[in-house]
Amino acid sequence: MNILAIDTLAAPLSIAAQGSNGLVTQSFTGVGTSHAERLVTLIDTTISAAGFTADSIDMVLTPEGPGSFTGLRLGFAVAKALQLSSNCRFIPIPTLPCLASYYEIWNGNIATLIDAKRDRFYIQLFKNGTPITEVFDKTAADMLPYFSEKEPWLIAGYGTAAFKNAPAVINSGIPFQFLESDPLSFAHTMITYMQKNSSLLQEAADYAGPQYIRKSDAEKD
């Protein structure tokens, strides 16, 4: 199966493709309007190295959200265009559960997060790989009641330093451990997540869009 994963969550673009030549990952770490311009070229070189072409893609993956409104929108637009041109399956991947799956060796409590700016975080809690909360858009202080003071928690994702340095977290006494996720590994992680959870994931509906937690921001963008 020829699989393409497109990660536009953060400033670096990351592409992973799995085909007859194996798994290939490539990235672009620039910023600004060049993202959209670079993405098509990056996809073409990655799938070519993996051994297939755009018209032979079987499945395309992109983050469902939460995340940057602009990044999510770009990923969905490109994925839908590829779906129309190649008749491939388009499967959105839930961001925070996918991030948590990368740390499945940690057999305990995990919170995955993305710094949503304005002193807030998109965050979800998991126990032994199973979600135990919904996805939140909250400050670090507002999240503290959801953590047990007696149990260690791994905090992983993008922007963990901002959560770690929040005064409420510093003074909480909760045994947190922090790991900043590699922003260039998420595309590869999406493919692994899809393969392990294929029976639970659904194809995007014709008019589906990303998961926007902070809808007011999406409306203003």
Protein backbone atom coordinates (compact mmCIF):
# COMPACT_ATOMS: atom_id res chain seq x y z
CA MET A 1 0.00 0.00 0.00
CA ASN A 2 1.28 3.47 -0.92
CA ILE A 3 0.78 5.77 2.06
CA LEU A 4 1.49 9.51 2.28
CA ALA A 5 1.45 11.44 5.58
CA ILE A 6 1.47 15.25 5.52
CA ASP A 7 2.33 17.11 8.74
CA THR A 8 1.63 20.85 8.73
CA LEU A 9 1.07 21.22 12.49
CA ALA A 10 4.07 23.42 13.24
CA ALA A 11 6.57 25.67 11.49
CA PRO A 12 8.58 22.73 10.10
CA LEU A 13 6.84 20.78 7.34
CA SER A 14 7.27 17.02 7.56
CA ILE A 15 6.32 14.42 4.96
CA ALA A 16 6.47 10.63 5.28
CA ALA A 17 5.77 8.14 2.52
CA GLN A 18 5.69 4.37 2.63
CA GLY A 19 5.85 2.43 -0.61
CA SER A 20 7.72 -0.29 -2.46
CA ASN A 21 11.08 1.29 -1.56
CA GLY A 22 10.24 1.43 2.15
CA LEU A 23 9.60 4.40 4.43
CA VAL A 24 10.97 7.81 3.46
CA THR A 25 10.71 11.03 5.49
CA GLN A 26 11.67 14.54 4.44
CA SER A 27 11.15 17.96 5.97
CA PHE A 28 11.43 21.68 5.40
CA THR A 29 12.15 23.89 8.39
CA GLY A 30 11.56 27.34 6.93
CA VAL A 31 8.76 29.63 8.06
CA GLY A 32 6.24 31.94 6.47
CA THR A 33 4.29 31.86 3.22
CA SER A 34 6.80 29.49 1.65
CA HIS A 35 5.04 26.58 3.35
CA ALA A 36 2.35 26.18 0.70
CA GLU A 37 4.85 26.65 -2.10
CA ARG A 38 7.31 24.11 -0.70
CA LEU A 39 4.74 21.48 0.22
CA VAL A 40 3.96 20.19 -3.28
CA THR A 41 7.64 19.82 -4.17
CA LEU A 42 8.37 18.12 -0.85
CA ILE A 43 5.53 15.64 -1.39
CA ASP A 44 6.72 14.85 -4.92
CA THR A 45 10.32 14.15 -3.91
CA THR A 46 9.26 12.07 -0.89
CA ILE A 47 6.80 9.79 -2.68
CA SER A 48 9.23 9.39 -5.58
CA ALA A 49 11.92 8.21 -3.17
CA ALA A 50 9.39 5.81 -1.59
CA GLY A 51 8.67 4.29 -5.00
CA PHE A 52 5.35 5.68 -6.19
CA THR A 53 3.71 8.69 -7.84
CA ALA A 54 0.87 11.03 -6.90
CA ASP A 55 -1.67 9.19 -9.04
CA SER A 56 -0.91 5.88 -7.29
CA ILE A 57 -1.40 7.05 -3.68
CA ASP A 58 -3.65 4.61 -1.81
CA MET A 59 -4.02 6.57 1.40
CA VAL A 60 -3.22 10.11 2.55
CA LEU A 61 -3.02 11.12 6.20
CA THR A 62 -3.00 14.58 7.75
CA PRO A 63 -3.53 15.91 11.30
CA GLU A 64 -7.19 16.29 12.23
CA GLY A 65 -6.39 18.70 15.05
CA PRO A 66 -6.20 20.41 17.37
CA GLY A 67 -3.37 22.58 16.15
CA SER A 68 -2.61 25.71 14.17
CA PHE A 69 -5.70 26.75 12.22
CA THR A 70 -3.65 27.76 9.18
CA GLY A 71 -1.55 24.58 9.28
CA LEU A 72 -4.54 22.27 9.68
CA ARG A 73 -6.38 24.01 6.86
CA LEU A 74 -3.35 23.67 4.55
CA GLY A 75 -3.00 19.96 5.32
CA PHE A 76 -6.69 19.28 4.67
CA ALA A 77 -6.67 21.25 1.41
CA VAL A 78 -3.71 19.34 0.01
CA ALA A 79 -5.03 15.98 1.21
CA LYS A 80 -8.42 16.59 -0.40
CA ALA A 81 -6.77 17.66 -3.66
CA LEU A 82 -4.75 14.45 -3.72
CA GLN A 83 -7.87 12.44 -2.93
CA LEU A 84 -9.67 13.95 -5.91
CA SER A 85 -6.76 13.38 -8.28
CA SER A 86 -5.86 9.82 -7.24
CA ASN A 87 -9.11 8.54 -5.68
CA CYS A 88 -7.14 7.61 -2.57
CA ARG A 89 -8.53 7.27 0.93
CA PHE A 90 -8.16 10.40 3.08
CA ILE A 91 -7.93 9.68 6.80
CA PRO A 92 -7.52 12.53 9.34
CA ILE A 93 -5.39 11.56 12.35
CA PRO A 94 -6.34 12.92 15.83
CA THR A 95 -3.34 14.95 16.96
CA LEU A 96 -3.11 14.37 20.70
CA PRO A 97 -3.83 10.60 20.72
CA CYS A 98 -1.27 10.20 17.94
CA LEU A 99 1.31 12.09 19.98
CA ALA A 100 0.51 9.90 23.00
CA SER A 101 1.01 6.73 20.95
CA TYR A 102 4.65 7.68 20.38
CA TYR A 103 5.24 7.22 24.13
CA GLU A 104 3.37 3.93 24.57
CA ILE A 105 6.46 2.45 26.24
CA TRP A 106 5.59 4.77 29.16
CA ASN A 107 3.06 2.55 30.91
CA GLY A 108 1.29 5.15 32.99
CA ASN A 109 -0.17 8.63 32.95
CA ILE A 110 0.49 10.85 29.94
CA ALA A 111 -0.72 14.29 28.98
CA THR A 112 -0.02 15.41 25.43
CA LEU A 113 -0.25 19.08 24.57
CA ILE A 114 0.29 21.78 22.02
CA ASP A 115 1.06 25.33 23.09
CA ALA A 116 -1.99 27.27 21.90
CA LYS A 117 -0.44 30.63 22.87
CA ARG A 118 -2.12 33.25 25.07
CA ASP A 119 -0.99 31.13 28.08
CA ARG A 120 -3.30 28.29 26.99
CA PHE A 121 -2.75 24.75 25.81
CA TYR A 122 -4.57 22.17 23.73
CA ILE A 123 -4.21 19.19 26.05
CA GLN A 124 -5.60 15.70 26.65
CA LEU A 125 -4.89 13.14 29.39
CA PHE A 126 -4.32 9.40 28.89
CA LYS A 127 -3.86 6.42 31.19
CA ASN A 128 -2.16 3.33 29.79
CA GLY A 129 -2.81 4.63 26.28
CA THR A 130 -6.55 5.23 26.81
CA PRO A 131 -7.98 8.78 26.80
CA ILE A 132 -9.44 9.74 30.18
CA THR A 133 -10.45 13.30 29.29
CA GLU A 134 -11.73 15.21 26.32
CA VAL A 135 -9.46 17.62 24.45
CA PHE A 136 -9.17 20.86 26.42
CA ASP A 137 -8.19 24.43 25.60
CA LYS A 138 -7.13 25.59 29.07
CA THR A 139 -4.44 27.39 31.03
CA ALA A 140 -1.91 25.35 32.99
CA ALA A 141 -3.54 26.49 36.24
CA ASP A 142 -6.97 25.35 35.07
CA MET A 143 -5.57 21.93 34.15
CA LEU A 144 -4.03 21.14 37.54
CA PRO A 145 -7.21 19.70 39.14
CA TYR A 146 -7.19 16.96 36.50
CA PHE A 147 -3.83 15.59 37.70
CA SER A 148 -3.34 13.37 40.73
CA GLU A 149 -0.72 14.76 43.09
CA LYS A 150 0.40 11.27 44.10
CA GLU A 151 1.06 9.90 40.64
CA PRO A 152 3.82 10.80 38.16
CA TRP A 153 2.74 12.32 34.86
CA LEU A 154 4.63 12.50 31.58
CA ILE A 155 3.91 15.78 29.77
CA ALA A 156 4.83 15.50 26.09
CA GLY A 157 4.14 17.42 22.91
CA TYR A 158 4.93 20.82 21.44
CA GLY A 159 5.51 23.67 23.88
CA THR A 160 6.11 21.67 27.05
CA ALA A 161 8.54 24.32 28.38
CA ALA A 162 5.74 26.88 28.50
CA PHE A 163 3.61 24.48 30.58
CA LYS A 164 6.56 23.54 32.80
CA ASN A 165 7.41 27.18 33.55
CA ALA A 166 3.87 28.25 34.38
CA PRO A 167 3.89 29.46 38.03
CA ALA A 168 0.97 27.24 38.96
CA VAL A 169 2.82 24.15 37.70
CA ILE A 170 6.09 25.11 39.41
CA ASN A 171 4.32 25.44 42.75
CA SER A 172 2.00 22.45 42.36
CA GLY A 173 4.20 19.72 43.83
CA ILE A 174 2.89 17.26 41.22
CA PRO A 175 5.64 14.85 39.99
CA PHE A 176 5.68 15.91 36.35
CA GLN A 177 8.24 14.78 33.81
CA PHE A 178 8.55 16.70 30.54
CA LEU A 179 9.54 15.62 27.03
CA GLU A 180 9.42 17.93 24.04
CA SER A 181 8.34 15.96 20.95
CA ASP A 182 10.39 16.11 17.77
CA PRO A 183 8.34 18.19 15.30
CA LEU A 184 9.93 16.32 12.38
CA SER A 185 8.76 12.88 13.53
CA PHE A 186 4.99 13.38 13.54
CA ALA A 187 4.42 12.42 9.89
CA HIS A 188 6.11 9.06 10.50
CA THR A 189 4.16 8.66 13.75
CA MET A 190 0.88 9.20 11.86
CA ILE A 191 1.62 6.21 9.62
CA THR A 192 2.41 4.00 12.62
CA TYR A 193 -0.70 5.22 14.44
CA MET A 194 -2.89 4.50 11.42
CA GLN A 195 -1.52 0.98 11.05
CA LYS A 196 -2.20 0.17 14.70
CA ASN A 197 -5.64 1.80 14.81
CA SER A 198 -6.97 1.28 11.29
CA SER A 199 -10.21 -0.28 12.50
CA LEU A 200 -11.01 2.78 14.63
CA LEU A 201 -10.23 5.51 12.10
CA GLN A 202 -12.72 6.87 9.59
CA GLU A 203 -12.28 8.44 6.19
CA ALA A 204 -12.98 12.16 5.95
CA ALA A 205 -16.48 13.03 4.81
CA ASP A 206 -16.80 15.06 1.62
CA TYR A 207 -17.17 18.34 3.50
CA ALA A 208 -15.16 17.47 6.60
CA GLY A 209 -12.79 20.00 8.12
CA PRO A 210 -10.15 20.00 10.85
CA GLN A 211 -11.00 19.83 14.55
CA TYR A 212 -11.05 23.43 15.77
CA ILE A 213 -11.01 23.69 19.55
CA ARG A 214 -10.78 27.48 19.62
CA LYS A 215 -13.47 28.30 17.08
CA SER A 216 -13.29 32.06 17.60
CA ASP A 217 -9.70 32.07 16.36
CA ALA A 218 -10.64 30.07 13.29
CA GLU A 219 -13.35 32.58 12.46
CA LYS A 220 -10.93 35.50 12.75
CA ASP A 221 -8.04 33.96 10.80
